[in-house]
Amino acid sequence: MDTAVLSTGTATNSADPKAAPIAPSATDPLWWRSAVIYQIYIRSFADGNGDGTGDLAGVRSRLSYLRDLGVDAIWFTPWYKSPLADGGYDVEDYFGIDPSFGDLEQAEALIREALALGIRTIIDIVPNHISDQHPWFKAALASPPGSPERERFWFRPGRGTNGDEMPNHWVSNFQGDTWTRTTNPDGTPGEWYLHLFTPEQPDLNWNHPDVRTLHEDVLRFWFDRGVAGVRIDSAALLIKDPELPEVPEDAKPGEHPNVDRDEVHDVYRAWRAIADSYPGSRVLVGEVWMPDTERFAKYLREDEMHTAFNFDFMARPWDADQLRESIDSMLAAHAPVGAPSTWVLSNHDVTRPVTRYGREDTSFAFSTKRFHTPTDLALGMRRARAAALLSAALPGSLYVYQGDELGLPEAESIPLESLQDPMHFRSEGVDPGRDGCRVPLPWSGAEPPYGFTPEGASSAPWLPQPADWANLTVEAEAGNSGSMLSLYRTALSIRRSHPALGDGELTWLDGDGFGPESGVLAFSRGLGFVSVTNLSGAPVELPSYTRLLLASTPLEDGLLPSDSSAWLRTQH
């Protein structure tokens, strides 16, 4: 057997909305089924102009890094004009780039330049709500109750004496109240408006034709500029029961007043028709948090979304039974509709894997996030490396959140006065918020800003970086064959070239010391490829193989250590 371990380590397009569509390469119309998609949180990726905020110029300067990493597409969190009350998910103008990030011409150039390197662009669409600074909402506030301007939102009189009580008691995704009372021009208390997130994010009324037309125009605008797909934020929340009733304790599927209502599927059928009218494959990717797998799969019918995020796998603890159950249930959920599953370990909302896997509770839930949770970062790094290979070997597409390929931990030493996430403030300081996974990336050098800003820039990064990240910069890890970056680069290279990886079938190898009861997850992909992840407390023997393609940690006397993964070439 060969037991070598491989690396354990242009012209501008018109801004005219009627410009001729730019078609992403149509050589592989099913690219999205196996794609590796890299999530860019633009404020924290790279700062091109030295003002301390990541921008389009910074991304363009680092496109070669993404090419070398081996990604097929990049997904941008919202880059639109926004007051940034919630990191850009409060959109003021869907047709313009926020000035802190650049302008439309730069966005078009980035889309072209990335595509020239074989990298498609996916952008975020935020349809459930808009910014309170959007012209529509400003007009609504300036108009009287019952006016057409207010019908695009959910304005209601209050209950109780003088309307002092909220119209209902729906629970906010960000904790805190879901209704805010307005003030009339004469200074008296007015109607209330609904916001499932922050008060700066009023919910849109998707029963109104203007709302549907606006978002269909948004899709066409960005598809015309060469965008290869959209990620749909809070995709199951759009439709509300017009009566706005309280949430029943025994709500049946489809009967919740503001989540996963059956009527929402009409929206995505209309969107899919728009996407399919363009050359190439323009994909719809849903953010669908849905515990009911049958309800989840409905979003992936052939005339709706192409894929949806698999959050179940990301939220599970580091446990063989739990991960096996998640993999089986998600593959089973996708099978009836013929859609590929997606696999992701984190995103801009979630505690980073290196930190999460180093804790006693290795699962993820917003309700359990707390300050000063004991963490073994060495153990977390070991498990995060193993998880990276496990997820990259599973059938379907793979998402990588920026910085996970460097093994960045959650930044937990951000001064309280520097925190910006509304989840922290709306929890009255109980929840540390999400800023810890949004700290600007370290590119080079031995101290902050680690090359995030240009040399000589006078502005500090918008969030402070830890002082101990010198060994986690791209520069440091690129020269270290045992680094997380080297592991990711090698894994993605193998994944791209191996015919068994990406979309396809999975066969579990149970028995002979393998299976969830033994703490070892082993499976084959096609002929000649086997993935093994050891979640038990002791080293294990590997199945017969002809070559060790890659391992997250070196073997010990031919055995796979605990909290490690290995990819094998086999004879069958």
Protein backbone atom coordinates (compact mmCIF):
# COMPACT_ATOMS: atom_id res chain seq x y z
CA MET A 1 0.00 0.00 0.00
CA ASP A 2 1.09 3.55 -0.73
CA THR A 3 0.59 5.34 2.61
CA ALA A 4 1.83 8.79 1.62
CA VAL A 5 -0.24 11.59 3.14
CA LEU A 6 -0.92 14.47 0.77
CA SER A 7 -0.66 17.76 2.60
CA THR A 8 -2.03 17.30 6.05
CA GLY A 9 -1.65 19.60 6.03
CA THR A 10 -11.53 43.97 -19.46
CA ALA A 11 -14.50 45.92 -20.98
CA THR A 12 -17.21 47.25 -18.68
CA ASN A 13 -20.85 46.27 -19.02
CA SER A 14 -23.45 49.00 -19.22
CA ALA A 15 -25.34 49.82 -16.02
CA ASP A 16 -28.49 50.05 -18.13
CA PRO A 17 -31.08 47.63 -16.64
CA LYS A 18 -31.94 46.62 -20.21
CA ALA A 19 -28.36 45.70 -21.07
CA ALA A 20 -27.85 42.37 -22.84
CA PRO A 21 -27.58 39.51 -20.33
CA ILE A 22 -24.13 38.21 -19.46
CA ALA A 23 -24.30 34.43 -19.50
CA PRO A 24 -22.18 32.42 -17.06
CA SER A 25 -20.49 29.55 -18.84
CA ALA A 26 -23.10 27.04 -19.94
CA THR A 27 -20.60 24.22 -20.41
CA ASP A 28 -21.96 22.53 -17.29
CA PRO A 29 -25.61 23.42 -16.66
CA LEU A 30 -25.60 21.22 -13.57
CA TRP A 31 -22.56 22.90 -11.97
CA TRP A 32 -24.58 23.77 -8.89
CA ARG A 33 -25.16 20.14 -7.96
CA SER A 34 -21.50 19.59 -7.04
CA ALA A 35 -20.21 23.12 -6.56
CA VAL A 36 -17.89 24.34 -3.82
CA ILE A 37 -19.29 27.75 -2.88
CA TYR A 38 -17.32 30.21 -0.78
CA GLN A 39 -19.26 32.66 1.35
CA ILE A 40 -17.92 36.21 1.43
CA TYR A 41 -18.96 38.51 4.26
CA ILE A 42 -17.82 41.54 2.33
CA ARG A 43 -17.15 43.89 5.27
CA SER A 44 -14.58 41.44 6.60
CA PHE A 45 -12.94 39.86 3.54
CA ALA A 46 -10.44 42.45 2.29
CA ASP A 47 -10.24 46.26 2.44
CA GLY A 48 -9.10 47.78 -0.85
CA ASN A 49 -9.28 51.50 -0.06
CA GLY A 50 -7.95 51.61 3.50
CA ASP A 51 -11.06 52.82 5.32
CA GLY A 52 -11.21 49.74 7.57
CA THR A 53 -14.21 48.16 5.80
CA GLY A 54 -13.97 45.31 3.32
CA ASP A 55 -15.07 46.22 -0.19
CA LEU A 56 -15.37 45.10 -3.80
CA ALA A 57 -11.89 46.34 -4.61
CA GLY A 58 -10.55 44.14 -1.85
CA VAL A 59 -12.37 41.10 -3.19
CA ARG A 60 -11.14 41.75 -6.73
CA SER A 61 -7.58 41.91 -5.46
CA ARG A 62 -7.97 38.46 -3.85
CA LEU A 63 -9.73 36.56 -6.63
CA SER A 64 -6.57 34.59 -7.37
CA TYR A 65 -6.63 33.35 -3.77
CA LEU A 66 -10.13 31.97 -4.30
CA ARG A 67 -9.09 30.38 -7.60
CA ASP A 68 -6.14 28.68 -5.89
CA LEU A 69 -8.38 27.53 -3.04
CA GLY A 70 -10.46 25.70 -5.63
CA VAL A 71 -13.95 27.17 -5.34
CA ASP A 72 -16.56 27.13 -8.08
CA ALA A 73 -18.64 30.09 -6.92
CA ILE A 74 -18.66 32.91 -4.40
CA TRP A 75 -21.72 33.95 -2.46
CA PHE A 76 -21.89 37.52 -1.19
CA THR A 77 -23.91 38.50 1.82
CA PRO A 78 -25.86 41.69 0.95
CA TRP A 79 -23.79 44.30 -0.85
CA TYR A 80 -26.68 46.71 -1.43
CA LYS A 81 -27.00 50.24 -0.11
CA SER A 82 -27.92 49.89 3.55
CA PRO A 83 -27.75 51.70 6.91
CA LEU A 84 -26.16 48.43 8.16
CA ALA A 85 -28.42 48.10 11.18
CA ASP A 86 -28.15 44.34 10.63
CA GLY A 87 -25.02 43.84 8.57
CA GLY A 88 -26.68 44.76 5.27
CA TYR A 89 -29.79 42.62 5.74
CA ASP A 90 -31.67 45.91 6.02
CA VAL A 91 -31.75 46.91 2.34
CA GLU A 92 -32.33 50.52 1.34
CA ASP A 93 -31.81 50.03 -2.41
CA TYR A 94 -31.71 46.60 -4.11
CA PHE A 95 -30.41 48.13 -7.35
CA GLY A 96 -27.31 49.84 -5.95
CA ILE A 97 -24.10 48.92 -4.15
CA ASP A 98 -23.48 50.39 -0.71
CA PRO A 99 -20.92 53.20 -1.14
CA SER A 100 -18.74 51.70 1.58
CA PHE A 101 -18.30 48.64 -0.67
CA GLY A 102 -17.97 50.35 -4.06
CA ASP A 103 -20.37 50.92 -6.93
CA LEU A 104 -22.32 49.06 -9.59
CA GLU A 105 -19.53 49.30 -12.16
CA GLN A 106 -17.13 47.63 -9.73
CA ALA A 107 -19.66 44.89 -9.02
CA GLU A 108 -20.06 44.19 -12.73
CA ALA A 109 -16.29 44.09 -13.15
CA LEU A 110 -15.97 41.66 -10.24
CA ILE A 111 -18.59 39.34 -11.72
CA ARG A 112 -16.72 39.30 -15.06
CA GLU A 113 -13.26 38.91 -13.54
CA ALA A 114 -14.36 36.07 -11.29
CA LEU A 115 -16.07 34.28 -14.18
CA ALA A 116 -12.89 34.57 -16.23
CA LEU A 117 -11.23 32.54 -13.45
CA GLY A 118 -14.02 29.96 -13.50
CA ILE A 119 -15.80 31.37 -10.46
CA ARG A 120 -19.50 32.20 -10.62
CA THR A 121 -21.18 34.82 -8.42
CA ILE A 122 -24.19 34.31 -6.16
CA ILE A 123 -25.78 37.24 -4.35
CA ASP A 124 -28.13 37.56 -1.40
CA ILE A 125 -31.78 38.51 -1.87
CA VAL A 126 -33.57 39.72 1.28
CA PRO A 127 -37.30 39.50 0.51
CA ASN A 128 -38.96 39.30 3.93
CA HIS A 129 -38.19 42.87 4.95
CA ILE A 130 -36.47 46.08 3.88
CA SER A 131 -34.72 48.92 5.66
CA ASP A 132 -36.76 51.53 7.47
CA GLN A 133 -34.79 53.98 5.29
CA HIS A 134 -36.20 52.51 2.06
CA PRO A 135 -38.36 55.05 0.16
CA TRP A 136 -41.38 52.80 0.50
CA PHE A 137 -41.27 52.76 4.28
CA LYS A 138 -40.54 56.47 4.54
CA ALA A 139 -43.61 57.09 2.38
CA ALA A 140 -45.65 54.76 4.57
CA LEU A 141 -44.69 56.61 7.73
CA ALA A 142 -45.59 59.91 6.09
CA SER A 143 -49.02 58.60 5.03
CA PRO A 144 -52.14 58.12 7.14
CA PRO A 145 -53.57 54.79 8.35
CA GLY A 146 -55.30 52.88 5.58
CA SER A 147 -53.27 54.57 2.83
CA PRO A 148 -51.94 52.62 -0.17
CA GLU A 149 -48.38 53.33 0.98
CA ARG A 150 -48.99 51.42 4.21
CA GLU A 151 -50.52 48.41 2.47
CA ARG A 152 -47.05 47.24 1.38
CA PHE A 153 -46.27 46.56 5.04
CA TRP A 154 -48.10 45.29 8.12
CA PHE A 155 -49.45 48.37 9.88
CA ARG A 156 -52.11 47.72 12.50
CA PRO A 157 -53.81 49.58 15.34
CA GLY A 158 -52.84 48.45 18.80
CA ARG A 159 -55.00 46.54 21.23
CA GLY A 160 -56.16 47.53 24.69
CA THR A 161 -56.75 50.99 26.09
CA ASN A 162 -55.70 53.65 23.59
CA GLY A 163 -54.09 50.97 21.42
CA ASP A 164 -51.14 50.67 23.79
CA GLU A 165 -50.76 46.90 23.37
CA MET A 166 -49.06 45.20 20.43
CA PRO A 167 -51.39 43.69 17.79
CA ASN A 168 -50.15 40.19 18.66
CA HIS A 169 -47.38 38.43 20.54
CA TRP A 170 -45.31 36.82 17.80
CA VAL A 171 -41.75 35.93 18.77
CA SER A 172 -38.84 37.72 17.11
CA ASN A 173 -35.95 35.84 15.53
CA PHE A 174 -33.71 38.40 17.23
CA GLN A 175 -35.44 38.28 20.63
CA GLY A 176 -37.33 41.33 21.80
CA ASP A 177 -40.63 42.65 20.46
CA THR A 178 -41.94 42.15 16.92
CA TRP A 179 -43.96 45.37 16.79
CA THR A 180 -42.96 49.02 16.99
CA ARG A 181 -45.41 51.87 17.45
CA THR A 182 -45.27 54.87 15.17
CA THR A 183 -45.78 58.50 16.07
CA ASN A 184 -48.36 60.62 14.29
CA PRO A 185 -47.43 64.03 12.81
CA ASP A 186 -49.07 65.72 15.79
CA GLY A 187 -46.91 63.76 18.22
CA THR A 188 -49.60 61.35 19.39
CA PRO A 189 -49.01 57.56 19.35
CA GLY A 190 -49.96 55.98 16.04
CA GLU A 191 -50.27 52.53 14.49
CA TRP A 192 -47.87 49.65 15.04
CA TYR A 193 -45.79 47.96 12.31
CA LEU A 194 -44.50 44.38 12.18
CA HIS A 195 -40.82 43.42 12.13
CA LEU A 196 -39.82 39.81 12.75
CA PHE A 197 -36.24 41.06 13.06
CA THR A 198 -35.17 44.54 14.21
CA PRO A 199 -37.36 47.66 14.15
CA GLU A 200 -35.09 48.89 11.34
CA GLN A 201 -36.32 45.93 9.22
CA PRO A 202 -40.09 46.30 8.64
CA ASP A 203 -41.69 43.19 7.17
CA LEU A 204 -43.13 43.45 3.67
CA ASN A 205 -46.67 42.38 2.83
CA TRP A 206 -46.21 39.69 0.18
CA ASN A 207 -49.93 39.72 -0.57
CA HIS A 208 -49.35 43.09 -2.26
CA PRO A 209 -48.55 43.00 -6.01
CA ASP A 210 -46.01 45.83 -5.72
CA VAL A 211 -43.87 43.69 -3.41
CA ARG A 212 -43.84 40.76 -5.82
CA THR A 213 -43.12 42.96 -8.82
CA LEU A 214 -40.24 44.69 -7.05
CA HIS A 215 -38.44 41.45 -6.26
CA GLU A 216 -38.99 40.01 -9.71
CA ASP A 217 -37.39 43.19 -11.08
CA VAL A 218 -34.50 42.72 -8.66
CA LEU A 219 -33.89 39.20 -9.95
CA ARG A 220 -33.85 40.34 -13.57
CA PHE A 221 -31.60 43.30 -12.79
CA TRP A 222 -28.87 41.12 -11.30
CA PHE A 223 -29.27 38.21 -13.70
CA ASP A 224 -28.78 40.75 -16.50
CA ARG A 225 -25.43 41.56 -14.91
CA GLY A 226 -24.17 38.01 -14.99
CA VAL A 227 -25.05 36.81 -11.52
CA ALA A 228 -25.30 33.02 -11.59
CA GLY A 229 -27.68 32.64 -8.67
CA VAL A 230 -29.33 34.11 -5.62
CA ARG A 231 -29.39 33.00 -2.01
CA ILE A 232 -32.82 33.75 -0.55
CA ASP A 233 -32.71 35.02 3.02
CA SER A 234 -35.36 33.81 5.50
CA ALA A 235 -37.10 32.11 2.60
CA ALA A 236 -39.92 30.51 4.59
CA LEU A 237 -41.09 33.71 6.32
CA LEU A 238 -42.50 35.78 3.46
CA ILE A 239 -46.20 34.98 3.63
CA LYS A 240 -48.23 35.93 6.71
CA ASP A 241 -51.81 35.09 7.62
CA PRO A 242 -53.61 38.39 6.87
CA GLU A 243 -55.52 38.10 10.14
CA LEU A 244 -52.21 38.07 12.07
CA PRO A 245 -53.48 35.59 14.68
CA GLU A 246 -51.47 34.37 17.64
CA VAL A 247 -49.32 31.29 17.02
CA PRO A 248 -51.37 28.22 18.01
CA GLU A 249 -49.74 25.65 20.25
CA ASP A 250 -50.80 22.81 17.95
CA ALA A 251 -50.24 24.44 14.55
CA LYS A 252 -50.24 21.85 11.79
CA PRO A 253 -47.78 22.07 8.87
CA GLY A 254 -48.65 25.05 6.74
CA GLU A 255 -50.85 26.62 9.41
CA HIS A 256 -48.28 28.70 11.26
CA PRO A 257 -49.25 32.37 10.80
CA ASN A 258 -45.79 33.53 9.66
CA VAL A 259 -43.60 30.50 8.85
CA ASP A 260 -43.74 28.05 5.94
CA ARG A 261 -47.20 28.88 4.70
CA ASP A 262 -48.25 26.98 1.59
CA GLU A 263 -48.77 30.17 -0.40
CA VAL A 264 -45.02 30.94 -0.30
CA HIS A 265 -44.39 28.32 -2.96
CA ASP A 266 -46.20 30.42 -5.55
CA VAL A 267 -43.53 33.08 -5.05
CA TYR A 268 -40.68 30.69 -5.79
CA ARG A 269 -42.40 29.15 -8.79
CA ALA A 270 -42.54 32.64 -10.30
CA TRP A 271 -38.88 33.21 -9.45
CA ARG A 272 -37.85 29.88 -10.96
CA ALA A 273 -39.60 30.80 -14.20
CA ILE A 274 -37.54 33.99 -14.34
CA ALA A 275 -34.30 32.12 -13.59
CA ASP A 276 -35.04 29.50 -16.26
CA SER A 277 -35.64 32.22 -18.86
CA TYR A 278 -31.93 33.10 -18.81
CA PRO A 279 -29.14 31.26 -20.63
CA GLY A 280 -27.03 28.91 -18.56
CA SER A 281 -28.11 27.89 -15.09
CA ARG A 282 -29.27 30.68 -12.79
CA VAL A 283 -29.86 29.00 -9.44
CA LEU A 284 -32.11 29.72 -6.47
CA VAL A 285 -30.67 28.74 -3.10
CA GLY A 286 -32.96 28.96 -0.09
CA GLU A 287 -32.20 29.72 3.52
CA VAL A 288 -34.83 27.34 4.87
CA TRP A 289 -34.68 26.46 8.58
CA MET A 290 -37.22 23.63 8.60
CA PRO A 291 -37.23 20.69 11.07
CA ASP A 292 -39.92 18.85 9.07
CA THR A 293 -37.98 17.21 6.22
CA GLU A 294 -41.08 16.72 4.07
CA ARG A 295 -41.96 20.40 4.33
CA PHE A 296 -38.30 21.25 3.63
CA ALA A 297 -38.29 19.16 0.44
CA LYS A 298 -41.31 21.03 -0.95
CA TYR A 299 -39.08 24.05 -1.54
CA LEU A 300 -36.90 21.89 -3.83
CA ARG A 301 -39.49 20.67 -6.26
CA GLU A 302 -38.35 20.95 -9.87
CA ASP A 303 -40.21 24.21 -10.49
CA GLU A 304 -39.03 25.95 -7.29
CA MET A 305 -35.57 26.27 -5.74
CA HIS A 306 -32.53 24.38 -6.97
CA THR A 307 -31.01 23.81 -3.52
CA ALA A 308 -31.47 24.88 0.09
CA PHE A 309 -29.12 25.11 3.02
CA ASN A 310 -28.83 22.02 5.18
CA PHE A 311 -28.63 23.59 8.62
CA ASP A 312 -29.38 20.36 10.45
CA PHE A 313 -25.91 18.94 9.79
CA MET A 314 -24.24 22.19 10.86
CA ALA A 315 -26.13 22.28 14.15
CA ARG A 316 -25.48 18.68 15.20
CA PRO A 317 -22.94 17.82 17.92
CA TRP A 318 -19.66 16.04 17.23
CA ASP A 319 -21.17 12.59 17.68
CA ALA A 320 -21.25 9.66 15.28
CA ASP A 321 -24.90 8.77 15.90
CA GLN A 322 -26.05 12.36 15.52
CA LEU A 323 -24.07 13.07 12.35
CA ARG A 324 -25.08 9.76 10.75
CA GLU A 325 -28.72 10.48 11.54
CA SER A 326 -28.44 13.94 10.01
CA ILE A 327 -26.73 12.69 6.85
CA ASP A 328 -29.29 9.92 6.36
CA SER A 329 -32.29 12.15 7.02
CA MET A 330 -31.12 14.93 4.71
CA LEU A 331 -30.24 12.59 1.84
CA ALA A 332 -33.64 10.94 2.27
CA ALA A 333 -35.40 14.31 2.28
CA HIS A 334 -33.75 15.37 -0.98
CA ALA A 335 -34.17 12.07 -2.82
CA PRO A 336 -37.89 12.32 -3.71
CA VAL A 337 -37.40 15.68 -5.44
CA GLY A 338 -34.07 14.78 -7.03
CA ALA A 339 -32.24 17.73 -5.49
CA PRO A 340 -28.68 17.56 -4.17
CA SER A 341 -28.08 18.22 -0.50
CA THR A 342 -25.80 21.02 0.65
CA TRP A 343 -23.22 20.71 3.42
CA VAL A 344 -21.95 23.55 5.54
CA LEU A 345 -20.12 23.78 8.87
CA SER A 346 -20.76 27.46 9.61
CA ASN A 347 -21.72 30.86 8.24
CA HIS A 348 -21.85 34.52 9.27
CA ASP A 349 -24.43 33.71 11.96
CA VAL A 350 -22.85 30.67 13.62
CA THR A 351 -20.03 30.05 16.11
CA ARG A 352 -16.98 28.93 14.14
CA PRO A 353 -16.27 25.16 14.08
CA VAL A 354 -12.86 25.39 15.75
CA THR A 355 -14.51 26.96 18.79
CA ARG A 356 -17.77 25.02 18.71
CA TYR A 357 -16.12 21.61 18.46
CA GLY A 358 -13.82 22.44 21.36
CA ARG A 359 -16.68 22.84 23.84
CA GLU A 360 -18.55 20.39 26.02
CA ASP A 361 -21.69 21.12 24.00
CA THR A 362 -20.53 20.81 20.40
CA SER A 363 -23.95 21.43 18.84
CA PHE A 364 -25.18 24.85 17.77
CA ALA A 365 -28.29 26.74 18.84
CA PHE A 366 -28.76 30.48 19.12
CA SER A 367 -30.49 30.00 22.47
CA THR A 368 -27.40 28.45 24.07
CA LYS A 369 -24.81 31.02 23.00
CA ARG A 370 -23.19 32.59 26.05
CA PHE A 371 -20.09 34.54 26.96
CA HIS A 372 -17.03 32.86 28.50
CA THR A 373 -17.83 29.26 27.60
CA PRO A 374 -14.81 26.99 28.31
CA THR A 375 -13.17 25.92 25.06
CA ASP A 376 -10.31 23.55 24.14
CA LEU A 377 -9.14 25.13 20.88
CA ALA A 378 -6.60 22.37 20.13
CA LEU A 379 -9.36 19.76 20.31
CA GLY A 380 -11.67 22.03 18.32
CA MET A 381 -9.06 22.46 15.58
CA ARG A 382 -8.53 18.71 15.36
CA ARG A 383 -12.25 18.07 15.03
CA ALA A 384 -12.76 20.94 12.59
CA ARG A 385 -10.11 19.43 10.32
CA ALA A 386 -11.86 16.07 10.46
CA ALA A 387 -15.24 17.69 9.85
CA ALA A 388 -13.87 19.51 6.81
CA LEU A 389 -12.97 16.23 5.12
CA LEU A 390 -16.20 14.55 6.20
CA SER A 391 -18.39 17.30 4.76
CA ALA A 392 -16.34 17.64 1.56
CA ALA A 393 -16.80 13.92 0.83
CA LEU A 394 -20.60 13.91 1.16
CA PRO A 395 -22.86 13.92 -1.92
CA GLY A 396 -23.97 17.32 -3.19
CA SER A 397 -22.58 20.84 -2.95
CA LEU A 398 -20.29 22.27 -0.28
CA TYR A 399 -20.30 25.74 1.31
CA VAL A 400 -17.21 27.20 2.98
CA TYR A 401 -17.53 30.31 5.12
CA GLN A 402 -14.59 32.69 4.78
CA GLY A 403 -11.94 32.01 7.40
CA ASP A 404 -12.96 28.44 8.09
CA GLU A 405 -10.33 27.37 5.55
CA LEU A 406 -7.80 29.07 7.86
CA GLY A 407 -9.12 27.42 11.00
CA LEU A 408 -10.05 30.74 12.56
CA PRO A 409 -11.63 30.43 16.01
CA GLU A 410 -14.50 32.57 17.19
CA ALA A 411 -13.09 35.95 18.24
CA GLU A 412 -14.34 36.16 21.82
CA SER A 413 -12.26 39.03 23.14
CA ILE A 414 -13.99 41.83 21.23
CA PRO A 415 -14.48 44.76 23.65
CA LEU A 416 -18.12 45.28 24.55
CA GLU A 417 -18.00 48.81 23.19
CA SER A 418 -16.98 47.44 19.77
CA LEU A 419 -19.83 44.94 19.39
CA GLN A 420 -22.35 45.83 16.70
CA ASP A 421 -24.64 42.83 16.26
CA PRO A 422 -28.30 43.57 17.14
CA MET A 423 -28.73 40.05 18.52
CA HIS A 424 -26.42 41.02 21.39
CA PHE A 425 -28.28 44.20 22.23
CA ARG A 426 -31.80 42.80 21.84
CA SER A 427 -30.90 39.99 24.26
CA GLU A 428 -29.86 42.68 26.75
CA GLY A 429 -26.29 41.43 26.63
CA VAL A 430 -26.98 37.75 27.34
CA ASP A 431 -26.18 36.59 23.80
CA PRO A 432 -22.63 37.50 22.70
CA GLY A 433 -23.99 38.03 19.20
CA ARG A 434 -22.43 37.11 15.88
CA ASP A 435 -19.57 39.57 15.61
CA GLY A 436 -17.11 36.91 16.77
CA CYS A 437 -17.39 35.04 13.47
CA ARG A 438 -17.35 38.27 11.43
CA VAL A 439 -13.94 39.65 12.40
CA PRO A 440 -11.87 40.73 9.37
CA LEU A 441 -9.67 38.06 7.82
CA PRO A 442 -5.91 37.93 8.51
CA TRP A 443 -3.91 37.90 5.28
CA SER A 444 -0.30 38.58 6.24
CA GLY A 445 2.04 40.00 8.86
CA ALA A 446 2.53 39.40 12.56
CA GLU A 447 0.05 41.84 14.07
CA PRO A 448 -3.29 43.53 13.30
CA PRO A 449 -4.52 44.46 10.75
CA TYR A 450 -2.73 41.43 9.25
CA GLY A 451 -2.88 42.78 5.71
CA PHE A 452 -6.65 43.25 5.79
CA THR A 453 -6.15 46.94 5.00
CA PRO A 454 -3.55 48.25 2.52
CA GLU A 455 -0.11 49.06 3.86
CA GLY A 456 -0.06 52.53 5.35
CA ALA A 457 -3.83 52.76 5.83
CA SER A 458 -4.79 55.02 8.71
CA SER A 459 -8.13 53.37 9.54
CA ALA A 460 -8.34 50.29 11.77
CA PRO A 461 -10.56 47.35 10.74
CA TRP A 462 -14.23 47.87 11.58
CA LEU A 463 -14.02 45.07 14.14
CA PRO A 464 -10.80 44.49 16.12
CA GLN A 465 -8.77 41.38 15.30
CA PRO A 466 -7.21 39.17 18.01
CA ALA A 467 -3.54 39.80 18.75
CA ASP A 468 -2.68 36.09 18.51
CA TRP A 469 -3.65 35.37 14.89
CA ALA A 470 -0.16 35.71 13.35
CA ASN A 471 0.02 31.96 12.71
CA LEU A 472 -3.45 31.96 11.14
CA THR A 473 -2.79 34.38 8.29
CA VAL A 474 -3.02 33.25 4.68
CA GLU A 475 0.68 34.05 4.32
CA ALA A 476 1.69 31.89 7.29
CA GLU A 477 -0.56 28.97 6.39
CA ALA A 478 0.29 28.93 2.68
CA GLY A 479 3.85 28.00 3.60
CA ASN A 480 2.86 25.31 6.09
CA SER A 481 1.96 21.91 4.63
CA GLY A 482 0.23 20.98 7.87
CA SER A 483 -2.03 24.03 8.03
CA MET A 484 -5.78 24.14 7.69
CA LEU A 485 -5.40 26.13 4.46
CA SER A 486 -3.19 23.43 2.95
CA LEU A 487 -5.71 20.78 4.02
CA TYR A 488 -8.56 22.67 2.33
CA ARG A 489 -6.60 23.34 -0.85
CA THR A 490 -5.68 19.68 -1.20
CA ALA A 491 -9.15 18.44 -0.32
CA LEU A 492 -10.87 20.73 -2.82
CA SER A 493 -8.37 19.79 -5.51
CA ILE A 494 -9.08 16.10 -4.97
CA ARG A 495 -12.81 16.78 -4.81
CA ARG A 496 -12.74 18.59 -8.14
CA SER A 497 -10.70 15.93 -9.94
CA HIS A 498 -12.12 12.73 -8.46
CA PRO A 499 -15.09 11.44 -10.48
CA ALA A 500 -16.78 9.93 -7.41
CA LEU A 501 -17.01 13.18 -5.44
CA GLY A 502 -19.59 15.94 -5.62
CA ASP A 503 -23.08 14.89 -6.70
CA GLY A 504 -23.86 11.18 -6.62
CA GLU A 505 -24.49 8.24 -4.33
CA LEU A 506 -23.17 7.26 -0.91
CA THR A 507 -22.86 3.73 0.49
CA TRP A 508 -22.23 3.22 4.19
CA LEU A 509 -19.57 0.71 5.20
CA ASP A 510 -20.95 -0.80 8.39
CA GLY A 511 -19.61 -3.72 10.37
CA ASP A 512 -15.98 -4.74 10.98
CA GLY A 513 -15.57 -1.89 13.44
CA PHE A 514 -17.40 0.70 11.34
CA GLY A 515 -20.78 2.29 11.99
CA PRO A 516 -22.26 4.82 14.40
CA GLU A 517 -22.32 2.31 17.25
CA SER A 518 -18.51 2.10 17.03
CA GLY A 519 -18.08 5.87 16.68
CA VAL A 520 -16.68 5.51 13.14
CA LEU A 521 -18.43 6.86 10.03
CA ALA A 522 -17.17 5.17 6.87
CA PHE A 523 -18.68 5.30 3.41
CA SER A 524 -17.75 4.77 -0.22
CA ARG A 525 -18.42 7.14 -3.09
CA GLY A 526 -18.57 5.29 -6.37
CA LEU A 527 -15.78 2.89 -7.16
CA GLY A 528 -12.43 3.36 -5.51
CA PHE A 529 -13.07 6.10 -2.94
CA VAL A 530 -13.69 5.68 0.78
CA SER A 531 -14.03 8.30 3.51
CA VAL A 532 -13.51 7.38 7.17
CA THR A 533 -14.12 9.67 10.16
CA ASN A 534 -13.17 8.45 13.62
CA LEU A 535 -15.31 10.06 16.32
CA SER A 536 -14.48 7.38 18.90
CA GLY A 537 -12.01 7.80 21.73
CA ALA A 538 -9.37 5.41 20.33
CA PRO A 539 -7.41 4.88 17.08
CA VAL A 540 -9.07 2.54 14.54
CA GLU A 541 -7.96 0.37 11.67
CA LEU A 542 -8.70 1.58 8.18
CA PRO A 543 -10.32 -0.59 5.53
CA SER A 544 -8.04 -2.11 2.92
CA TYR A 545 -6.76 0.56 0.55
CA THR A 546 -4.17 1.12 -2.14
CA ARG A 547 -3.38 4.74 -1.29
CA LEU A 548 -4.03 7.22 1.46
CA LEU A 549 -5.20 10.26 -0.48
CA LEU A 550 -5.52 12.64 2.43
CA ALA A 551 -5.80 12.62 6.22
CA SER A 552 -6.74 15.37 8.62
CA THR A 553 -4.02 14.20 11.03
CA PRO A 554 -1.10 11.78 10.47
CA LEU A 555 -1.77 8.10 11.03
CA GLU A 556 -0.38 6.46 14.17
CA ASP A 557 1.21 3.08 13.36
CA GLY A 558 -1.18 2.77 10.45
CA LEU A 559 -4.24 3.57 12.56
CA LEU A 560 -6.58 6.55 12.19
CA PRO A 561 -6.45 8.56 15.43
CA SER A 562 -9.49 9.81 17.30
CA ASP A 563 -11.18 12.92 15.92
CA SER A 564 -9.65 12.41 12.48
CA SER A 565 -10.76 11.76 8.92
CA ALA A 566 -9.05 9.99 6.03
CA TRP A 567 -9.75 9.67 2.31
CA LEU A 568 -8.67 6.39 0.73
CA ARG A 569 -8.22 4.99 -2.75
CA THR A 570 -9.46 1.42 -2.79
CA GLN A 571 -9.52 -1.40 -5.30
CA HIS A 572 -13.30 -1.61 -5.39
